Amino acid sequence: MDIQQIIETVRGFDGALAVVPDSEPYPELSWGDAYFYFAPDGVMPERTQPYATITTKDYPDDTAFMLGPGRFRVNIHVGRDRATKLSDADAQSTGADVFLPHPLYGTMGWVCVVNPAANTSRRVLDLLRDAHDAARARTLRREEEA
C-alpha cells in the first residue's frame, strides 16, 4: 500500500479532511506529510489534533525510524488499551509492516506502521476508519454540548 492509496481511502470517509502540505503557508518540514481530520466543512480545525498522520521523513526529535525516500510511517490514534494490544513489543523501529507504539505519543494511545503491506494494510485501513469515526463522535458531542 502506498501513501496515495491511504490518502484516497481516508478522503472517502464521510466528513474526512486530508491535509497534505506542499508549500507555504505550511512549514517546509511538513511538506509531503499528511494529516487527517474529521472536518465536514472542509476547513482544518484550529483546536483539534489530527486523528492520524503520515510521516515521510525524520523530524529532529523523531529519528529512530529512518524515514525518507521509499520509507514512510502511518500514525493512528487508537486509544491506550488498543495500542498496547496491537503493538509488537519485540519489533524494531527499523522494521516495516508491523505495529509499533508511536515513538513520541505511544503512551497516549498512538500506534504506527512503517510501509504497511501484507501483514498490516487491511488493519491499518480499519483503524483509520475507527479513528475517523471516533473523531466524528467527539466533534458531534462537542457541538451538542455547546
Foldseek 3Di string as FASTA:
>chain_A
DDPVVLVVLQVPDQQKEKDADQDPPDDPQRHRKIFIARHNVNDDDPPDGGQKMKHQAADPVGPQQHHHVPKIKIKGQQAQVVLVVQADPPDGSPDAQGKHQRPPCSNGRMIMGMPHDDNPPVVSSVRSNVSHVVNVVVVVVVVVVD
